[in-house]
Amino acid sequence: MKKTTLFIVCSLVVIILAVMPCYGFDDDFDGQNYEEPGGASFTVFAGSESGVYGLSLDEGIWIKGLPVFGNISMSLFHNDHAQSLFSGIGMTIRVMPRGTIAPFVGGGGSFNYSWSSSAGTGGTSAIPAEAIAQEAVRKGSESYWSGHAETGIRLCFESAIRLVEVSGRYTWSSAGSDANYWLIGISTGFGW
């Protein structure tokens, strides 16, 4: 079965590479002709029920002529349930009008790397409840992939502080449904 899957993937790659020149796709494509800088921003986020709190640095990109905004982010946050510090890299795509008041809705994903692990901190307890708790912490402190949906509003200004943004986000974790969480974020921009 693995050989069949590999054959199909390789065949698709070869077909795509062969068809691209026929339809005008070539290596002269320059994505910068279709995008505009959206500026940098700084976000502080927290989820009171989930025990997740941290900050992120974001860089935005607009698609020219469309109300589509892409956001690439690097974050550092703590998750109380996993008892771990995480760093993440992610991307979000939003539908957001350009203007002074800009409501938005979007979605994206990220990879979150765990900087601490409980896996090597000792053996298991003889008490069953403690052993279950230790296993949950050990499992929860692993790196994970996540997807998210968000909504919020952005206020833009003609001053040194270019924007203020308030957002809500729900995150699905590859670590399981018990690791999903809600976040509230407040952002400010410097270069919109």
N, C-alpha and C. Protein backbone atom coordinates (compact mmCIF):
# COMPACT_ATOMS: atom_id res chain seq x y z
N MET A 1 0.82 -1.19 0.00
CA MET A 1 0.00 0.00 0.00
C MET A 1 0.87 1.26 0.00
N LYS A 2 2.00 1.23 0.69
CA LYS A 2 2.87 2.40 0.74
C LYS A 2 3.46 2.68 -0.64
N LYS A 3 3.81 1.64 -1.39
CA LYS A 3 4.37 1.83 -2.73
C LYS A 3 3.32 2.46 -3.64
N THR A 4 2.07 2.07 -3.52
CA THR A 4 1.01 2.63 -4.33
C THR A 4 0.82 4.11 -4.03
N THR A 5 0.82 4.48 -2.76
CA THR A 5 0.68 5.89 -2.36
C THR A 5 1.84 6.71 -2.87
N LEU A 6 3.05 6.21 -2.74
CA LEU A 6 4.24 6.91 -3.23
C LEU A 6 4.17 7.09 -4.75
N PHE A 7 3.73 6.05 -5.46
CA PHE A 7 3.59 6.13 -6.91
C PHE A 7 2.58 7.20 -7.31
N ILE A 8 1.45 7.27 -6.62
CA ILE A 8 0.40 8.26 -6.92
C ILE A 8 0.92 9.67 -6.67
N VAL A 9 1.58 9.89 -5.55
CA VAL A 9 2.11 11.22 -5.24
C VAL A 9 3.16 11.64 -6.26
N CYS A 10 4.09 10.76 -6.60
CA CYS A 10 5.12 11.09 -7.59
C CYS A 10 4.48 11.36 -8.96
N SER A 11 3.47 10.59 -9.33
CA SER A 11 2.79 10.80 -10.61
C SER A 11 2.11 12.17 -10.64
N LEU A 12 1.45 12.55 -9.57
CA LEU A 12 0.79 13.87 -9.50
C LEU A 12 1.80 15.00 -9.61
N VAL A 13 2.94 14.87 -8.96
CA VAL A 13 3.98 15.90 -9.04
C VAL A 13 4.48 16.03 -10.47
N VAL A 14 4.75 14.92 -11.14
CA VAL A 14 5.23 14.95 -12.52
C VAL A 14 4.17 15.57 -13.44
N ILE A 15 2.91 15.21 -13.27
CA ILE A 15 1.83 15.76 -14.10
C ILE A 15 1.72 17.27 -13.91
N ILE A 16 1.76 17.71 -12.68
CA ILE A 16 1.66 19.15 -12.39
C ILE A 16 2.83 19.90 -13.02
N LEU A 17 4.03 19.38 -12.86
CA LEU A 17 5.20 20.03 -13.45
C LEU A 17 5.14 20.05 -14.98
N ALA A 18 4.55 19.03 -15.58
CA ALA A 18 4.44 18.98 -17.04
C ALA A 18 3.36 19.92 -17.56
N VAL A 19 2.27 20.10 -16.82
CA VAL A 19 1.14 20.91 -17.25
C VAL A 19 1.37 22.40 -17.00
N MET A 20 2.15 22.76 -16.01
CA MET A 20 2.34 24.17 -15.64
C MET A 20 2.78 25.04 -16.81
N PRO A 21 3.79 24.67 -17.61
CA PRO A 21 4.18 25.54 -18.74
C PRO A 21 3.08 25.70 -19.79
N CYS A 22 2.21 24.72 -19.96
CA CYS A 22 1.14 24.79 -20.95
C CYS A 22 0.10 25.86 -20.60
N TYR A 23 -0.08 26.15 -19.35
CA TYR A 23 -1.09 27.10 -18.92
C TYR A 23 -0.47 28.44 -18.48
N GLY A 24 0.74 28.69 -18.83
CA GLY A 24 1.35 29.98 -18.56
C GLY A 24 1.95 30.11 -17.17
N PHE A 25 2.01 29.03 -16.42
CA PHE A 25 2.65 29.09 -15.11
C PHE A 25 4.14 28.87 -15.31
N ASP A 26 4.92 29.81 -14.90
CA ASP A 26 6.36 29.63 -15.04
C ASP A 26 7.07 30.20 -13.84
N ASP A 27 8.37 30.18 -13.89
CA ASP A 27 9.13 30.64 -12.73
C ASP A 27 9.25 32.15 -12.65
N ASP A 28 8.58 32.90 -13.56
CA ASP A 28 8.59 34.35 -13.50
C ASP A 28 7.51 34.90 -12.57
N PHE A 29 6.71 34.03 -11.96
CA PHE A 29 5.66 34.47 -11.04
C PHE A 29 6.28 35.17 -9.84
N ASP A 30 5.82 36.38 -9.55
CA ASP A 30 6.32 37.14 -8.41
C ASP A 30 5.13 37.51 -7.52
N GLY A 31 5.02 36.85 -6.39
CA GLY A 31 3.92 37.08 -5.47
C GLY A 31 3.83 38.50 -4.96
N GLN A 32 4.94 39.23 -4.95
CA GLN A 32 4.93 40.60 -4.46
C GLN A 32 4.11 41.53 -5.35
N ASN A 33 3.83 41.11 -6.59
CA ASN A 33 2.97 41.91 -7.46
C ASN A 33 1.51 41.85 -7.02
N TYR A 34 1.17 40.90 -6.14
CA TYR A 34 -0.22 40.70 -5.72
C TYR A 34 -0.44 40.97 -4.24
N GLU A 35 0.56 41.47 -3.56
CA GLU A 35 0.41 41.71 -2.13
C GLU A 35 0.93 43.08 -1.74
N GLU A 36 0.42 43.56 -0.60
CA GLU A 36 0.83 44.84 -0.02
C GLU A 36 1.20 44.60 1.43
N PRO A 37 2.17 45.31 1.95
CA PRO A 37 2.52 45.14 3.37
C PRO A 37 1.37 45.56 4.27
N GLY A 38 1.14 44.79 5.31
CA GLY A 38 0.08 45.08 6.27
C GLY A 38 0.62 45.58 7.59
N GLY A 39 1.93 45.55 7.76
CA GLY A 39 2.54 46.06 8.99
C GLY A 39 2.71 45.02 10.07
N ALA A 40 3.44 45.42 11.09
CA ALA A 40 3.72 44.55 12.23
C ALA A 40 2.80 44.90 13.38
N SER A 41 2.54 43.92 14.24
CA SER A 41 1.74 44.16 15.43
C SER A 41 2.23 43.27 16.57
N PHE A 42 1.79 43.60 17.75
CA PHE A 42 2.16 42.91 18.97
C PHE A 42 0.86 42.54 19.68
N THR A 43 0.69 41.28 20.07
CA THR A 43 -0.55 40.80 20.68
C THR A 43 -0.27 40.19 22.05
N VAL A 44 -1.12 40.52 23.01
CA VAL A 44 -1.15 39.88 24.32
C VAL A 44 -2.44 39.08 24.37
N PHE A 45 -2.37 37.79 24.75
CA PHE A 45 -3.57 36.97 24.76
C PHE A 45 -3.64 36.14 26.02
N ALA A 46 -4.87 35.77 26.39
CA ALA A 46 -5.09 34.97 27.59
C ALA A 46 -6.43 34.24 27.48
N GLY A 47 -6.50 33.13 28.16
CA GLY A 47 -7.74 32.37 28.29
C GLY A 47 -7.89 31.98 29.74
N SER A 48 -8.84 32.59 30.43
CA SER A 48 -8.95 32.38 31.88
C SER A 48 -9.31 30.94 32.22
N GLU A 49 -10.24 30.33 31.50
CA GLU A 49 -10.63 28.95 31.79
C GLU A 49 -9.56 27.95 31.37
N SER A 50 -8.87 28.24 30.27
CA SER A 50 -7.89 27.29 29.75
C SER A 50 -6.53 27.41 30.41
N GLY A 51 -6.25 28.55 31.06
CA GLY A 51 -4.93 28.74 31.68
C GLY A 51 -3.83 28.96 30.66
N VAL A 52 -4.20 29.45 29.47
CA VAL A 52 -3.22 29.75 28.42
C VAL A 52 -3.06 31.26 28.36
N TYR A 53 -1.81 31.73 28.43
CA TYR A 53 -1.55 33.17 28.34
C TYR A 53 -0.16 33.40 27.77
N GLY A 54 -0.03 34.48 26.98
CA GLY A 54 1.26 34.75 26.35
C GLY A 54 1.21 35.96 25.45
N LEU A 55 2.17 36.01 24.52
CA LEU A 55 2.27 37.14 23.60
C LEU A 55 2.75 36.64 22.25
N SER A 56 2.49 37.48 21.20
CA SER A 56 2.96 37.12 19.86
C SER A 56 3.37 38.36 19.10
N LEU A 57 4.28 38.17 18.18
CA LEU A 57 4.69 39.20 17.22
C LEU A 57 4.15 38.76 15.87
N ASP A 58 3.48 39.70 15.18
CA ASP A 58 2.78 39.36 13.95
C ASP A 58 3.22 40.27 12.81
N GLU A 59 3.20 39.73 11.61
CA GLU A 59 3.47 40.50 10.39
C GLU A 59 2.33 40.25 9.42
N GLY A 60 1.69 41.33 8.96
CA GLY A 60 0.53 41.21 8.10
C GLY A 60 0.81 41.51 6.64
N ILE A 61 0.00 40.89 5.76
CA ILE A 61 0.11 41.09 4.33
C ILE A 61 -1.31 41.16 3.75
N TRP A 62 -1.58 42.20 2.96
CA TRP A 62 -2.86 42.34 2.27
C TRP A 62 -2.73 41.78 0.86
N ILE A 63 -3.81 41.20 0.34
CA ILE A 63 -3.89 40.85 -1.07
C ILE A 63 -4.41 42.10 -1.78
N LYS A 64 -3.70 42.57 -2.80
CA LYS A 64 -4.07 43.81 -3.50
C LYS A 64 -5.49 43.75 -4.05
N GLY A 65 -6.26 44.80 -3.74
CA GLY A 65 -7.60 44.93 -4.28
C GLY A 65 -8.66 44.06 -3.62
N LEU A 66 -8.30 43.29 -2.62
CA LEU A 66 -9.26 42.40 -1.96
C LEU A 66 -9.26 42.65 -0.45
N PRO A 67 -10.39 42.36 0.22
CA PRO A 67 -10.42 42.49 1.68
C PRO A 67 -9.89 41.23 2.36
N VAL A 68 -8.75 40.74 1.89
CA VAL A 68 -8.14 39.51 2.42
C VAL A 68 -6.80 39.88 3.04
N PHE A 69 -6.63 39.48 4.30
CA PHE A 69 -5.46 39.83 5.09
C PHE A 69 -4.82 38.55 5.61
N GLY A 70 -3.53 38.39 5.39
CA GLY A 70 -2.79 37.25 5.93
C GLY A 70 -1.91 37.71 7.07
N ASN A 71 -1.78 36.89 8.08
CA ASN A 71 -1.01 37.25 9.27
C ASN A 71 -0.10 36.09 9.65
N ILE A 72 1.20 36.33 9.68
CA ILE A 72 2.17 35.33 10.11
C ILE A 72 2.61 35.71 11.52
N SER A 73 2.62 34.74 12.43
CA SER A 73 2.91 35.08 13.83
C SER A 73 3.90 34.12 14.46
N MET A 74 4.64 34.66 15.43
CA MET A 74 5.50 33.87 16.31
C MET A 74 5.05 34.17 17.73
N SER A 75 4.79 33.13 18.51
CA SER A 75 4.25 33.35 19.85
C SER A 75 5.06 32.61 20.91
N LEU A 76 4.90 33.09 22.12
CA LEU A 76 5.48 32.46 23.31
C LEU A 76 4.38 32.47 24.36
N PHE A 77 4.00 31.29 24.87
CA PHE A 77 2.89 31.24 25.82
C PHE A 77 3.05 30.09 26.80
N HIS A 78 2.33 30.20 27.90
CA HIS A 78 2.32 29.17 28.94
C HIS A 78 0.95 28.53 28.97
N ASN A 79 0.92 27.22 29.13
CA ASN A 79 -0.34 26.49 29.26
C ASN A 79 -0.34 25.84 30.63
N ASP A 80 -1.23 26.33 31.53
CA ASP A 80 -1.28 25.81 32.90
C ASP A 80 -1.67 24.34 32.96
N HIS A 81 -2.58 23.90 32.08
CA HIS A 81 -3.02 22.50 32.11
C HIS A 81 -1.91 21.55 31.68
N ALA A 82 -1.10 21.94 30.71
CA ALA A 82 0.02 21.11 30.28
C ALA A 82 1.25 21.35 31.14
N GLN A 83 1.22 22.39 31.97
CA GLN A 83 2.35 22.79 32.81
C GLN A 83 3.62 22.92 31.97
N SER A 84 3.49 23.69 30.88
CA SER A 84 4.60 23.81 29.96
C SER A 84 4.62 25.18 29.30
N LEU A 85 5.82 25.59 28.90
CA LEU A 85 6.03 26.80 28.12
C LEU A 85 6.13 26.39 26.66
N PHE A 86 5.41 27.10 25.77
CA PHE A 86 5.38 26.77 24.36
C PHE A 86 5.82 27.96 23.53
N SER A 87 6.42 27.69 22.38
CA SER A 87 6.61 28.71 21.35
C SER A 87 5.91 28.19 20.11
N GLY A 88 5.30 29.11 19.36
CA GLY A 88 4.54 28.68 18.20
C GLY A 88 4.83 29.54 16.99
N ILE A 89 4.61 28.96 15.83
CA ILE A 89 4.67 29.71 14.58
C ILE A 89 3.40 29.35 13.83
N GLY A 90 2.71 30.38 13.31
CA GLY A 90 1.43 30.11 12.68
C GLY A 90 1.05 31.13 11.64
N MET A 91 -0.07 30.87 11.00
CA MET A 91 -0.59 31.76 9.98
C MET A 91 -2.10 31.81 10.09
N THR A 92 -2.65 33.01 9.86
CA THR A 92 -4.09 33.22 9.86
C THR A 92 -4.47 33.98 8.59
N ILE A 93 -5.58 33.59 7.98
CA ILE A 93 -6.14 34.30 6.84
C ILE A 93 -7.47 34.90 7.31
N ARG A 94 -7.66 36.21 7.04
CA ARG A 94 -8.87 36.90 7.47
C ARG A 94 -9.59 37.53 6.29
N VAL A 95 -10.89 37.64 6.41
CA VAL A 95 -11.68 38.50 5.55
C VAL A 95 -11.92 39.74 6.40
N MET A 96 -11.37 40.89 5.94
CA MET A 96 -11.40 42.11 6.74
C MET A 96 -11.39 43.32 5.81
N PRO A 97 -12.41 44.18 5.90
CA PRO A 97 -12.40 45.38 5.06
C PRO A 97 -11.30 46.34 5.48
N ARG A 98 -10.88 47.17 4.55
CA ARG A 98 -9.90 48.21 4.87
C ARG A 98 -10.68 49.44 5.27
N GLY A 99 -10.32 50.01 6.40
CA GLY A 99 -11.02 51.20 6.85
C GLY A 99 -10.70 51.49 8.30
N THR A 100 -11.32 52.56 8.83
CA THR A 100 -11.07 52.96 10.20
C THR A 100 -11.58 51.93 11.20
N ILE A 101 -12.77 51.39 10.93
CA ILE A 101 -13.35 50.33 11.76
C ILE A 101 -13.47 49.11 10.88
N ALA A 102 -12.79 48.04 11.25
CA ALA A 102 -12.72 46.85 10.40
C ALA A 102 -13.03 45.58 11.19
N PRO A 103 -14.29 45.11 11.15
CA PRO A 103 -14.57 43.80 11.75
C PRO A 103 -13.97 42.70 10.89
N PHE A 104 -13.63 41.59 11.48
CA PHE A 104 -13.02 40.51 10.70
C PHE A 104 -13.44 39.15 11.22
N VAL A 105 -13.26 38.16 10.35
CA VAL A 105 -13.42 36.76 10.68
C VAL A 105 -12.33 36.01 9.92
N GLY A 106 -11.77 34.99 10.54
CA GLY A 106 -10.68 34.27 9.89
C GLY A 106 -10.40 32.93 10.52
N GLY A 107 -9.39 32.29 10.00
CA GLY A 107 -8.97 30.99 10.51
C GLY A 107 -7.54 30.70 10.11
N GLY A 108 -6.95 29.73 10.75
CA GLY A 108 -5.56 29.38 10.44
C GLY A 108 -5.08 28.21 11.26
N GLY A 109 -3.77 28.12 11.36
CA GLY A 109 -3.17 27.02 12.11
C GLY A 109 -1.78 27.38 12.58
N SER A 110 -1.24 26.51 13.44
CA SER A 110 0.11 26.75 13.97
C SER A 110 0.72 25.45 14.46
N PHE A 111 2.04 25.50 14.64
CA PHE A 111 2.76 24.43 15.32
C PHE A 111 3.30 25.01 16.61
N ASN A 112 3.06 24.32 17.72
CA ASN A 112 3.44 24.81 19.05
C ASN A 112 4.42 23.83 19.69
N TYR A 113 5.63 24.31 19.91
CA TYR A 113 6.72 23.50 20.43
C TYR A 113 6.80 23.63 21.95
N SER A 114 6.84 22.51 22.65
CA SER A 114 6.93 22.51 24.11
C SER A 114 8.39 22.62 24.54
N TRP A 115 8.68 23.62 25.39
CA TRP A 115 10.03 23.82 25.89
C TRP A 115 10.30 23.05 27.17
N SER A 116 9.27 22.54 27.82
CA SER A 116 9.48 21.75 29.03
C SER A 116 8.67 20.47 28.91
N SER A 117 9.21 19.44 29.49
CA SER A 117 8.54 18.15 29.42
C SER A 117 8.60 17.48 30.76
N SER A 118 7.50 16.86 31.13
CA SER A 118 7.46 16.14 32.39
C SER A 118 7.83 14.68 32.21
N ALA A 119 8.13 14.27 30.98
CA ALA A 119 8.38 12.86 30.70
C ALA A 119 9.57 12.30 31.46
N GLY A 120 10.56 13.10 31.72
CA GLY A 120 11.75 12.58 32.37
C GLY A 120 11.87 12.99 33.82
N THR A 121 10.77 13.39 34.47
CA THR A 121 10.85 13.92 35.81
C THR A 121 10.63 12.89 36.90
N GLY A 122 10.56 11.65 36.55
CA GLY A 122 10.43 10.66 37.60
C GLY A 122 9.50 9.54 37.19
N GLY A 123 9.31 8.59 38.13
CA GLY A 123 8.49 7.42 37.87
C GLY A 123 7.03 7.71 38.13
N THR A 124 6.28 6.62 38.13
CA THR A 124 4.86 6.75 38.38
C THR A 124 4.58 6.50 39.85
N SER A 125 3.51 7.11 40.33
CA SER A 125 3.12 7.01 41.72
C SER A 125 2.41 5.68 41.95
N ALA A 126 2.45 5.21 43.18
CA ALA A 126 1.73 4.00 43.55
C ALA A 126 0.25 4.28 43.75
N ILE A 127 -0.10 5.54 43.97
CA ILE A 127 -1.50 5.92 44.15
C ILE A 127 -2.11 6.12 42.76
N PRO A 128 -3.18 5.39 42.41
CA PRO A 128 -3.73 5.45 41.05
C PRO A 128 -4.10 6.87 40.59
N ALA A 129 -4.71 7.68 41.43
CA ALA A 129 -5.12 9.03 41.02
C ALA A 129 -3.90 9.88 40.67
N GLU A 130 -2.82 9.76 41.44
CA GLU A 130 -1.61 10.51 41.14
C GLU A 130 -0.96 10.02 39.85
N ALA A 131 -1.00 8.70 39.60
CA ALA A 131 -0.43 8.15 38.36
C ALA A 131 -1.19 8.68 37.15
N ILE A 132 -2.51 8.78 37.25
CA ILE A 132 -3.32 9.31 36.15
C ILE A 132 -2.99 10.78 35.91
N ALA A 133 -2.85 11.55 36.99
CA ALA A 133 -2.51 12.97 36.87
C ALA A 133 -1.12 13.14 36.26
N GLN A 134 -0.16 12.32 36.68
CA GLN A 134 1.19 12.41 36.12
C GLN A 134 1.18 12.09 34.62
N GLU A 135 0.40 11.09 34.22
CA GLU A 135 0.32 10.73 32.80
C GLU A 135 -0.33 11.85 31.99
N ALA A 136 -1.34 12.51 32.54
CA ALA A 136 -2.00 13.63 31.84
C ALA A 136 -1.03 14.78 31.64
N VAL A 137 -0.22 15.09 32.65
CA VAL A 137 0.77 16.16 32.53
C VAL A 137 1.83 15.78 31.51
N ARG A 138 2.27 14.52 31.55
CA ARG A 138 3.28 14.03 30.62
C ARG A 138 2.76 14.13 29.18
N LYS A 139 1.50 13.70 28.95
CA LYS A 139 0.91 13.76 27.62
C LYS A 139 0.67 15.20 27.19
N GLY A 140 0.23 16.06 28.11
CA GLY A 140 -0.12 17.43 27.78
C GLY A 140 1.06 18.32 27.49
N SER A 141 2.27 17.92 27.86
CA SER A 141 3.42 18.78 27.67
C SER A 141 4.16 18.50 26.36
N GLU A 142 3.54 17.75 25.47
CA GLU A 142 4.17 17.47 24.18
C GLU A 142 3.86 18.60 23.20
N SER A 143 4.70 18.76 22.20
CA SER A 143 4.45 19.71 21.12
C SER A 143 3.20 19.27 20.37
N TYR A 144 2.50 20.23 19.74
CA TYR A 144 1.27 19.89 19.05
C TYR A 144 0.97 20.86 17.91
N TRP A 145 0.15 20.40 16.98
CA TRP A 145 -0.38 21.21 15.89
C TRP A 145 -1.73 21.74 16.34
N SER A 146 -2.12 22.91 15.86
CA SER A 146 -3.44 23.43 16.21
C SER A 146 -4.05 24.18 15.03
N GLY A 147 -5.37 24.22 15.01
CA GLY A 147 -6.12 25.01 14.06
C GLY A 147 -6.98 25.97 14.86
N HIS A 148 -7.33 27.11 14.27
CA HIS A 148 -8.14 28.07 15.02
C HIS A 148 -9.08 28.84 14.12
N ALA A 149 -10.16 29.33 14.73
CA ALA A 149 -11.10 30.25 14.09
C ALA A 149 -11.15 31.48 14.97
N GLU A 150 -11.24 32.66 14.37
CA GLU A 150 -11.23 33.89 15.16
C GLU A 150 -12.17 34.92 14.58
N THR A 151 -12.55 35.85 15.43
CA THR A 151 -13.33 37.00 15.02
C THR A 151 -12.95 38.17 15.92
N GLY A 152 -13.18 39.38 15.43
CA GLY A 152 -12.83 40.55 16.23
C GLY A 152 -13.05 41.83 15.46
N ILE A 153 -12.47 42.90 15.98
CA ILE A 153 -12.58 44.20 15.35
C ILE A 153 -11.25 44.93 15.46
N ARG A 154 -10.91 45.64 14.39
CA ARG A 154 -9.68 46.42 14.33
C ARG A 154 -10.05 47.89 14.16
N LEU A 155 -9.41 48.75 14.95
CA LEU A 155 -9.58 50.20 14.83
C LEU A 155 -8.26 50.78 14.35
N CYS A 156 -8.30 51.54 13.25
CA CYS A 156 -7.09 52.11 12.67
C CYS A 156 -7.04 53.61 12.92
N PHE A 157 -5.84 54.13 13.14
CA PHE A 157 -5.65 55.54 13.47
C PHE A 157 -4.58 56.15 12.56
N GLU A 158 -4.59 57.45 12.46
CA GLU A 158 -3.55 58.20 11.75
C GLU A 158 -2.60 58.81 12.78
N SER A 159 -1.99 57.98 13.61
CA SER A 159 -1.09 58.45 14.65
C SER A 159 0.06 57.46 14.79
N ALA A 160 0.88 57.65 15.83
CA ALA A 160 2.02 56.75 16.05
C ALA A 160 1.54 55.32 16.31
N ILE A 161 0.45 55.17 17.06
CA ILE A 161 -0.16 53.85 17.24
C ILE A 161 -1.13 53.68 16.08
N ARG A 162 -0.79 52.82 15.16
CA ARG A 162 -1.55 52.69 13.92
C ARG A 162 -2.84 51.89 14.07
N LEU A 163 -2.89 50.97 15.04
CA LEU A 163 -4.09 50.17 15.19
C LEU A 163 -4.21 49.61 16.60
N VAL A 164 -5.45 49.33 16.96
CA VAL A 164 -5.79 48.59 18.18
C VAL A 164 -6.80 47.55 17.75
N GLU A 165 -6.62 46.33 18.24
CA GLU A 165 -7.45 45.23 17.80
C GLU A 165 -7.86 44.39 19.00
N VAL A 166 -9.11 43.95 19.01
CA VAL A 166 -9.62 43.04 20.03
C VAL A 166 -10.16 41.82 19.30
N SER A 167 -9.76 40.63 19.74
CA SER A 167 -10.20 39.41 19.04
C SER A 167 -10.50 38.29 20.02
N GLY A 168 -11.31 37.35 19.56
CA GLY A 168 -11.59 36.11 20.26
C GLY A 168 -11.23 34.96 19.36
N ARG A 169 -10.65 33.92 19.93
CA ARG A 169 -10.17 32.80 19.12
C ARG A 169 -10.47 31.48 19.82
N TYR A 170 -10.94 30.51 19.06
CA TYR A 170 -11.08 29.15 19.57
C TYR A 170 -10.04 28.28 18.88
N THR A 171 -9.30 27.51 19.65
CA THR A 171 -8.20 26.70 19.12
C THR A 171 -8.46 25.22 19.34
N TRP A 172 -8.34 24.44 18.25
CA TRP A 172 -8.42 22.99 18.31
C TRP A 172 -7.01 22.44 18.34
N SER A 173 -6.75 21.51 19.24
CA SER A 173 -5.40 20.97 19.41
C SER A 173 -5.31 19.54 18.93
N SER A 174 -4.18 19.18 18.34
CA SER A 174 -3.95 17.79 17.94
C SER A 174 -3.70 16.90 19.14
N ALA A 175 -3.53 17.50 20.33
CA ALA A 175 -3.33 16.72 21.56
C ALA A 175 -4.63 16.13 22.08
N GLY A 176 -5.76 16.46 21.45
CA GLY A 176 -7.05 15.91 21.87
C GLY A 176 -8.03 17.00 22.26
N SER A 177 -9.30 16.63 22.34
CA SER A 177 -10.35 17.63 22.60
C SER A 177 -10.23 18.24 24.00
N ASP A 178 -9.62 17.55 24.94
CA ASP A 178 -9.43 18.12 26.28
C ASP A 178 -8.43 19.27 26.27
N ALA A 179 -7.62 19.37 25.22
CA ALA A 179 -6.59 20.41 25.14
C ALA A 179 -7.04 21.61 24.31
N ASN A 180 -8.30 21.63 23.81
CA ASN A 180 -8.81 22.79 23.07
C ASN A 180 -9.02 23.96 24.03
N TYR A 181 -8.96 25.20 23.51
CA TYR A 181 -9.10 26.34 24.40
C TYR A 181 -9.57 27.60 23.68
N TRP A 182 -10.14 28.53 24.46
CA TRP A 182 -10.55 29.87 24.01
C TRP A 182 -9.52 30.88 24.43
N LEU A 183 -9.31 31.91 23.60
CA LEU A 183 -8.39 33.00 23.93
C LEU A 183 -9.02 34.34 23.59
N ILE A 184 -8.70 35.35 24.37
CA ILE A 184 -9.02 36.74 24.07
C ILE A 184 -7.70 37.44 23.83
N GLY A 185 -7.60 38.24 22.75
CA GLY A 185 -6.35 38.93 22.42
C GLY A 185 -6.55 40.41 22.24
N ILE A 186 -5.55 41.18 22.64
CA ILE A 186 -5.52 42.63 22.42
C ILE A 186 -4.22 42.94 21.71
N SER A 187 -4.32 43.61 20.55
CA SER A 187 -3.15 43.90 19.72
C SER A 187 -2.99 45.39 19.50
N THR A 188 -1.76 45.78 19.24
CA THR A 188 -1.48 47.13 18.80
C THR A 188 -0.46 47.04 17.66
N GLY A 189 -0.56 47.96 16.72
CA GLY A 189 0.29 47.90 15.55
C GLY A 189 1.20 49.10 15.44
N PHE A 190 2.31 48.89 14.76
CA PHE A 190 3.30 49.95 14.56
C PHE A 190 3.85 49.87 13.17
N GLY A 191 3.06 50.30 12.19
CA GLY A 191 3.53 50.27 10.82
C GLY A 191 2.52 49.76 9.83
N TRP A 192 1.25 49.97 10.10
CA TRP A 192 0.16 49.49 9.27
C TRP A 192 0.09 50.13 7.99
